[in-house]
Amino acid sequence: MPHPVTELLLQRNSSAKLTFPAPDGALLDTLLQAAFRAPDHGLLRPWRYLVIEGDGLERLGELFVASALHESPDLTQAQQEKFRKMPARAPMVIVAIASIQEATKIPEIEQVMATSVGVGYLLLSLQAEGFGGMWRTGPLAYNTETRKGLGLADNETIVGFLYVGTLDGKAKAIPNHDINTFVKQWP
């Protein structure tokens, strides 16, 4: 029988339908501390997180609309409304940001990977505590106006928008993968 941590990993699943509550207070701090335990070559701590809730979600929706319009000024009202409603998919959005430290021998890609692993740890911790999450990127994660509106510095990049809350309904079933499809012995 697998260890409980291994079993949690085997059950990991994204949650598209999220509702209240989201974690808060000391529990949220603990979950973020779990993210900070990601492998980090050089102990650079090349990450930061923005936690967005309440009215901040509406402001994020407006930023998404403005950013999308900057890229595509001909968006229809329906398309604009879709961008506006994106943050309302969950009661909390955590923006994961890789803060690249350039005056170091650690390559940028390793710093982005460390931040990404932290997001993975955060997703697992959320699930372990009875919450759900969905890691999303898409064009808005790479949009200059979105980055500017969130206050990112030139050395920072969005690794993802983590939608967080309580699972609304049942988790979708995810099949096990065939090990031989993805794993080979070498040499």
C-alpha atoms as a PDB file:
ATOM      1  CA  MET A   1       0.000   0.000   0.000  1.00  0.00           C
ATOM      2  CA  PRO A   2       1.471   3.385  -0.976  1.00  0.00           C
ATOM      3  CA  HIS A   3       2.466   5.971   1.597  1.00  0.00           C
ATOM      4  CA  PRO A   4      -0.249   8.627   2.145  1.00  0.00           C
ATOM      5  CA  VAL A   5       1.874  11.239   0.356  1.00  0.00           C
ATOM      6  CA  THR A   6       2.247   8.950  -2.653  1.00  0.00           C
ATOM      7  CA  GLU A   7      -1.481   8.228  -2.583  1.00  0.00           C
ATOM      8  CA  LEU A   8      -2.181  11.993  -2.557  1.00  0.00           C
ATOM      9  CA  LEU A   9       0.050  12.403  -5.613  1.00  0.00           C
ATOM     10  CA  LEU A  10      -1.729   9.554  -7.389  1.00  0.00           C
ATOM     11  CA  GLN A  11      -5.088  11.247  -6.744  1.00  0.00           C
ATOM     12  CA  ARG A  12      -3.955  14.769  -7.769  1.00  0.00           C
ATOM     13  CA  ASN A  13      -6.522  16.391  -9.974  1.00  0.00           C
ATOM     14  CA  SER A  14      -7.349  19.862 -11.257  1.00  0.00           C
ATOM     15  CA  SER A  15     -10.653  21.321 -10.118  1.00  0.00           C
ATOM     16  CA  ALA A  16     -12.432  23.463 -12.689  1.00  0.00           C
ATOM     17  CA  LYS A  17     -15.535  24.111 -10.560  1.00  0.00           C
ATOM     18  CA  LEU A  18     -14.594  25.911  -7.355  1.00  0.00           C
ATOM     19  CA  THR A  19     -16.698  27.655  -4.747  1.00  0.00           C
ATOM     20  CA  PHE A  20     -16.371  29.163  -1.275  1.00  0.00           C
ATOM     21  CA  PRO A  21     -14.578  28.824   1.009  1.00  0.00           C
ATOM     22  CA  ALA A  22     -10.961  29.257   0.030  1.00  0.00           C
ATOM     23  CA  PRO A  23      -8.232  28.756   2.614  1.00  0.00           C
ATOM     24  CA  ASP A  24      -7.388  31.778   4.716  1.00  0.00           C
ATOM     25  CA  GLY A  25      -5.322  32.977   7.648  1.00  0.00           C
ATOM     26  CA  ALA A  26      -2.839  30.595   9.201  1.00  0.00           C
ATOM     27  CA  LEU A  27      -3.838  27.734   6.894  1.00  0.00           C
ATOM     28  CA  LEU A  28      -3.153  29.792   3.775  1.00  0.00           C
ATOM     29  CA  ASP A  29       0.197  30.813   5.263  1.00  0.00           C
ATOM     30  CA  THR A  30       1.023  27.145   5.874  1.00  0.00           C
ATOM     31  CA  LEU A  31       0.069  26.188   2.321  1.00  0.00           C
ATOM     32  CA  LEU A  32       2.307  28.942   0.945  1.00  0.00           C
ATOM     33  CA  GLN A  33       5.136  27.755   3.205  1.00  0.00           C
ATOM     34  CA  ALA A  34       4.751  24.348   1.527  1.00  0.00           C
ATOM     35  CA  ALA A  35       5.202  26.054  -1.850  1.00  0.00           C
ATOM     36  CA  PHE A  36       8.386  27.696  -0.554  1.00  0.00           C
ATOM     37  CA  ARG A  37       9.885  24.223   0.023  1.00  0.00           C
ATOM     38  CA  ALA A  38      10.350  23.713  -3.727  1.00  0.00           C
ATOM     39  CA  PRO A  39      13.847  22.681  -4.817  1.00  0.00           C
ATOM     40  CA  ASP A  40      15.744  25.901  -5.309  1.00  0.00           C
ATOM     41  CA  HIS A  41      19.268  25.793  -6.764  1.00  0.00           C
ATOM     42  CA  GLY A  42      21.313  28.460  -5.010  1.00  0.00           C
ATOM     43  CA  LEU A  43      18.564  29.185  -2.446  1.00  0.00           C
ATOM     44  CA  LEU A  44      17.518  32.224  -4.471  1.00  0.00           C
ATOM     45  CA  ARG A  45      13.832  32.070  -3.534  1.00  0.00           C
ATOM     46  CA  PRO A  46      12.980  33.255  -7.067  1.00  0.00           C
ATOM     47  CA  TRP A  47       9.251  33.507  -6.490  1.00  0.00           C
ATOM     48  CA  ARG A  48       6.511  35.672  -5.165  1.00  0.00           C
ATOM     49  CA  TYR A  49       2.760  35.276  -5.030  1.00  0.00           C
ATOM     50  CA  LEU A  50      -0.185  37.677  -5.255  1.00  0.00           C
ATOM     51  CA  VAL A  51      -3.325  36.532  -3.429  1.00  0.00           C
ATOM     52  CA  ILE A  52      -6.459  38.040  -4.968  1.00  0.00           C
ATOM     53  CA  GLU A  53      -9.917  37.799  -3.391  1.00  0.00           C
ATOM     54  CA  GLY A  54     -13.157  39.751  -3.035  1.00  0.00           C
ATOM     55  CA  ASP A  55     -13.155  43.071  -4.888  1.00  0.00           C
ATOM     56  CA  GLY A  56      -9.682  42.258  -6.144  1.00  0.00           C
ATOM     57  CA  LEU A  57     -11.216  39.583  -8.388  1.00  0.00           C
ATOM     58  CA  GLU A  58     -13.388  42.222 -10.057  1.00  0.00           C
ATOM     59  CA  ARG A  59     -10.348  44.447 -10.545  1.00  0.00           C
ATOM     60  CA  LEU A  60      -8.470  41.481 -12.004  1.00  0.00           C
ATOM     61  CA  GLY A  61     -11.360  40.909 -14.429  1.00  0.00           C
ATOM     62  CA  GLU A  62     -11.160  44.539 -15.558  1.00  0.00           C
ATOM     63  CA  LEU A  63      -7.393  44.188 -15.981  1.00  0.00           C
ATOM     64  CA  PHE A  64      -7.963  41.076 -18.094  1.00  0.00           C
ATOM     65  CA  VAL A  65     -10.388  42.987 -20.327  1.00  0.00           C
ATOM     66  CA  ALA A  66      -8.018  45.944 -20.733  1.00  0.00           C
ATOM     67  CA  SER A  67      -5.086  43.623 -21.443  1.00  0.00           C
ATOM     68  CA  ALA A  68      -7.049  41.632 -24.014  1.00  0.00           C
ATOM     69  CA  LEU A  69      -8.263  44.827 -25.694  1.00  0.00           C
ATOM     70  CA  HIS A  70      -4.702  46.084 -25.891  1.00  0.00           C
ATOM     71  CA  GLU A  71      -3.813  42.961 -27.902  1.00  0.00           C
ATOM     72  CA  SER A  72      -7.084  42.767 -29.870  1.00  0.00           C
ATOM     73  CA  PRO A  73      -8.966  46.100 -29.981  1.00  0.00           C
ATOM     74  CA  ASP A  74     -11.837  44.550 -31.959  1.00  0.00           C
ATOM     75  CA  LEU A  75     -13.087  42.227 -29.208  1.00  0.00           C
ATOM     76  CA  THR A  76     -16.860  41.929 -29.081  1.00  0.00           C
ATOM     77  CA  GLN A  77     -18.778  42.746 -25.912  1.00  0.00           C
ATOM     78  CA  ALA A  78     -19.316  39.010 -25.379  1.00  0.00           C
ATOM     79  CA  GLN A  79     -15.573  38.336 -25.636  1.00  0.00           C
ATOM     80  CA  GLN A  80     -14.857  41.192 -23.229  1.00  0.00           C
ATOM     81  CA  GLU A  81     -17.398  39.811 -20.774  1.00  0.00           C
ATOM     82  CA  LYS A  82     -15.711  36.403 -20.935  1.00  0.00           C
ATOM     83  CA  PHE A  83     -12.393  37.986 -19.900  1.00  0.00           C
ATOM     84  CA  ARG A  84     -14.142  40.008 -17.190  1.00  0.00           C
ATOM     85  CA  LYS A  85     -15.687  36.882 -15.654  1.00  0.00           C
ATOM     86  CA  MET A  86     -12.552  34.724 -15.717  1.00  0.00           C
ATOM     87  CA  PRO A  87     -11.449  35.517 -12.145  1.00  0.00           C
ATOM     88  CA  ALA A  88     -14.961  34.721 -10.850  1.00  0.00           C
ATOM     89  CA  ARG A  89     -14.304  31.022 -11.504  1.00  0.00           C
ATOM     90  CA  ALA A  90     -13.075  30.705  -7.906  1.00  0.00           C
ATOM     91  CA  PRO A  91     -13.163  32.664  -4.650  1.00  0.00           C
ATOM     92  CA  MET A  92      -9.392  33.176  -4.783  1.00  0.00           C
ATOM     93  CA  VAL A  93      -6.765  33.570  -7.489  1.00  0.00           C
ATOM     94  CA  ILE A  94      -3.108  33.256  -6.592  1.00  0.00           C
ATOM     95  CA  VAL A  95      -0.753  34.680  -9.193  1.00  0.00           C
ATOM     96  CA  ALA A  96       2.560  32.803  -9.163  1.00  0.00           C
ATOM     97  CA  ILE A  97       5.442  34.992 -10.270  1.00  0.00           C
ATOM     98  CA  ALA A  98       9.012  33.976 -11.059  1.00  0.00           C
ATOM     99  CA  SER A  99      11.324  36.793  -9.917  1.00  0.00           C
ATOM    100  CA  ILE A 100      14.451  36.148 -11.952  1.00  0.00           C
ATOM    101  CA  GLN A 101      17.706  37.078 -10.268  1.00  0.00           C
ATOM    102  CA  GLU A 102      20.067  37.837 -13.105  1.00  0.00           C
ATOM    103  CA  ALA A 103      23.263  38.520 -11.133  1.00  0.00           C
ATOM    104  CA  THR A 104      23.738  34.840 -10.358  1.00  0.00           C
ATOM    105  CA  LYS A 105      25.142  31.752 -12.023  1.00  0.00           C
ATOM    106  CA  ILE A 106      21.728  30.027 -11.724  1.00  0.00           C
ATOM    107  CA  PRO A 107      20.077  29.987 -15.173  1.00  0.00           C
ATOM    108  CA  GLU A 108      16.706  31.694 -15.620  1.00  0.00           C
ATOM    109  CA  ILE A 109      15.029  28.434 -16.587  1.00  0.00           C
ATOM    110  CA  GLU A 110      15.994  26.865 -13.252  1.00  0.00           C
ATOM    111  CA  GLN A 111      14.455  29.802 -11.407  1.00  0.00           C
ATOM    112  CA  VAL A 112      11.223  29.476 -13.392  1.00  0.00           C
ATOM    113  CA  MET A 113      11.194  25.729 -12.764  1.00  0.00           C
ATOM    114  CA  ALA A 114      11.649  26.284  -9.009  1.00  0.00           C
ATOM    115  CA  THR A 115       8.646  28.610  -9.011  1.00  0.00           C
ATOM    116  CA  SER A 116       6.643  26.081 -11.032  1.00  0.00           C
ATOM    117  CA  VAL A 117       7.445  23.266  -8.618  1.00  0.00           C
ATOM    118  CA  GLY A 118       6.247  25.528  -5.802  1.00  0.00           C
ATOM    119  CA  VAL A 119       2.915  25.904  -7.593  1.00  0.00           C
ATOM    120  CA  GLY A 120       2.707  22.116  -7.842  1.00  0.00           C
ATOM    121  CA  TYR A 121       3.389  21.799  -4.115  1.00  0.00           C
ATOM    122  CA  LEU A 122       0.723  24.388  -3.425  1.00  0.00           C
ATOM    123  CA  LEU A 123      -1.815  22.424  -5.482  1.00  0.00           C
ATOM    124  CA  LEU A 124      -0.988  19.241  -3.565  1.00  0.00           C
ATOM    125  CA  SER A 125      -1.214  21.009  -0.218  1.00  0.00           C
ATOM    126  CA  LEU A 126      -4.584  22.473  -1.167  1.00  0.00           C
ATOM    127  CA  GLN A 127      -5.874  19.015  -2.044  1.00  0.00           C
ATOM    128  CA  ALA A 128      -4.485  17.534   1.182  1.00  0.00           C
ATOM    129  CA  GLU A 129      -6.423  20.165   3.164  1.00  0.00           C
ATOM    130  CA  GLY A 130      -9.697  19.509   1.324  1.00  0.00           C
ATOM    131  CA  PHE A 131      -9.536  22.359  -1.185  1.00  0.00           C
ATOM    132  CA  GLY A 132      -9.223  22.375  -4.950  1.00  0.00           C
ATOM    133  CA  GLY A 133      -7.194  24.287  -7.459  1.00  0.00           C
ATOM    134  CA  MET A 134      -6.744  24.859 -11.161  1.00  0.00           C
ATOM    135  CA  TRP A 135      -3.463  26.108 -12.638  1.00  0.00           C
ATOM    136  CA  ARG A 136      -4.121  28.270 -15.674  1.00  0.00           C
ATOM    137  CA  THR A 137      -1.875  30.272 -17.955  1.00  0.00           C
ATOM    138  CA  GLY A 138      -2.960  31.287 -21.445  1.00  0.00           C
ATOM    139  CA  PRO A 139      -2.245  34.507 -23.324  1.00  0.00           C
ATOM    140  CA  LEU A 140      -3.002  36.745 -20.336  1.00  0.00           C
ATOM    141  CA  ALA A 141      -0.080  35.239 -18.412  1.00  0.00           C
ATOM    142  CA  TYR A 142       2.267  36.486 -21.135  1.00  0.00           C
ATOM    143  CA  ASN A 143       0.507  39.780 -21.843  1.00  0.00           C
ATOM    144  CA  THR A 144       2.593  42.923 -21.207  1.00  0.00           C
ATOM    145  CA  GLU A 145      -0.429  44.887 -19.966  1.00  0.00           C
ATOM    146  CA  THR A 146      -1.392  42.144 -17.506  1.00  0.00           C
ATOM    147  CA  ARG A 147       2.169  42.056 -16.173  1.00  0.00           C
ATOM    148  CA  LYS A 148       2.203  45.844 -15.857  1.00  0.00           C
ATOM    149  CA  GLY A 149      -1.220  45.980 -14.196  1.00  0.00           C
ATOM    150  CA  LEU A 150      -0.153  43.422 -11.594  1.00  0.00           C
ATOM    151  CA  GLY A 151       2.980  45.400 -10.830  1.00  0.00           C
ATOM    152  CA  LEU A 152       5.558  42.970 -12.177  1.00  0.00           C
ATOM    153  CA  ALA A 153       9.105  44.190 -12.582  1.00  0.00           C
ATOM    154  CA  ASP A 154      11.062  43.694 -15.813  1.00  0.00           C
ATOM    155  CA  ASN A 155      12.789  40.632 -14.325  1.00  0.00           C
ATOM    156  CA  GLU A 156       9.490  38.928 -13.450  1.00  0.00           C
ATOM    157  CA  THR A 157       7.185  36.619 -15.337  1.00  0.00           C
ATOM    158  CA  ILE A 158       3.816  35.048 -14.539  1.00  0.00           C
ATOM    159  CA  VAL A 159       4.125  31.296 -14.114  1.00  0.00           C
ATOM    160  CA  GLY A 160       0.408  30.864 -13.685  1.00  0.00           C
ATOM    161  CA  PHE A 161      -2.917  31.904 -12.247  1.00  0.00           C
ATOM    162  CA  LEU A 162      -3.905  29.403  -9.581  1.00  0.00           C
ATOM    163  CA  TYR A 163      -7.680  29.366  -9.078  1.00  0.00           C
ATOM    164  CA  VAL A 164      -8.397  28.222  -5.511  1.00  0.00           C
ATOM    165  CA  GLY A 165     -11.489  27.209  -3.571  1.00  0.00           C
ATOM    166  CA  THR A 166     -13.591  24.273  -2.461  1.00  0.00           C
ATOM    167  CA  LEU A 167     -14.453  21.639  -5.043  1.00  0.00           C
ATOM    168  CA  ASP A 168     -17.998  22.112  -6.337  1.00  0.00           C
ATOM    169  CA  GLY A 169     -19.168  18.637  -7.319  1.00  0.00           C
ATOM    170  CA  LYS A 170     -17.148  15.523  -7.996  1.00  0.00           C
ATOM    171  CA  ALA A 171     -13.591  15.463  -9.248  1.00  0.00           C
ATOM    172  CA  LYS A 172     -13.183  14.101 -12.740  1.00  0.00           C
ATOM    173  CA  ALA A 173     -11.613  10.672 -13.015  1.00  0.00           C
ATOM    174  CA  ILE A 174      -8.071  10.628 -14.318  1.00  0.00           C
ATOM    175  CA  PRO A 175      -6.807   7.302 -15.658  1.00  0.00           C
ATOM    176  CA  ASN A 176      -3.419   5.896 -14.780  1.00  0.00           C
ATOM    177  CA  HIS A 177      -0.822   6.145 -17.512  1.00  0.00           C
ATOM    178  CA  ASP A 178       1.063   3.262 -19.086  1.00  0.00           C
ATOM    179  CA  ILE A 179       4.552   3.425 -17.560  1.00  0.00           C
ATOM    180  CA  ASN A 180       6.130   1.977 -20.733  1.00  0.00           C
ATOM    181  CA  THR A 181       4.814   4.871 -22.809  1.00  0.00           C
ATOM    182  CA  PHE A 182       6.723   7.449 -20.780  1.00  0.00           C
ATOM    183  CA  VAL A 183       9.612   5.565 -19.137  1.00  0.00           C
ATOM    184  CA  LYS A 184      12.517   3.709 -20.687  1.00  0.00           C
ATOM    185  CA  GLN A 185      15.717   2.334 -19.189  1.00  0.00           C
ATOM    186  CA  TRP A 186      18.954   3.850 -20.416  1.00  0.00           C
ATOM    187  CA  PRO A 187      21.401   2.747 -21.794  1.00  0.00           C
END
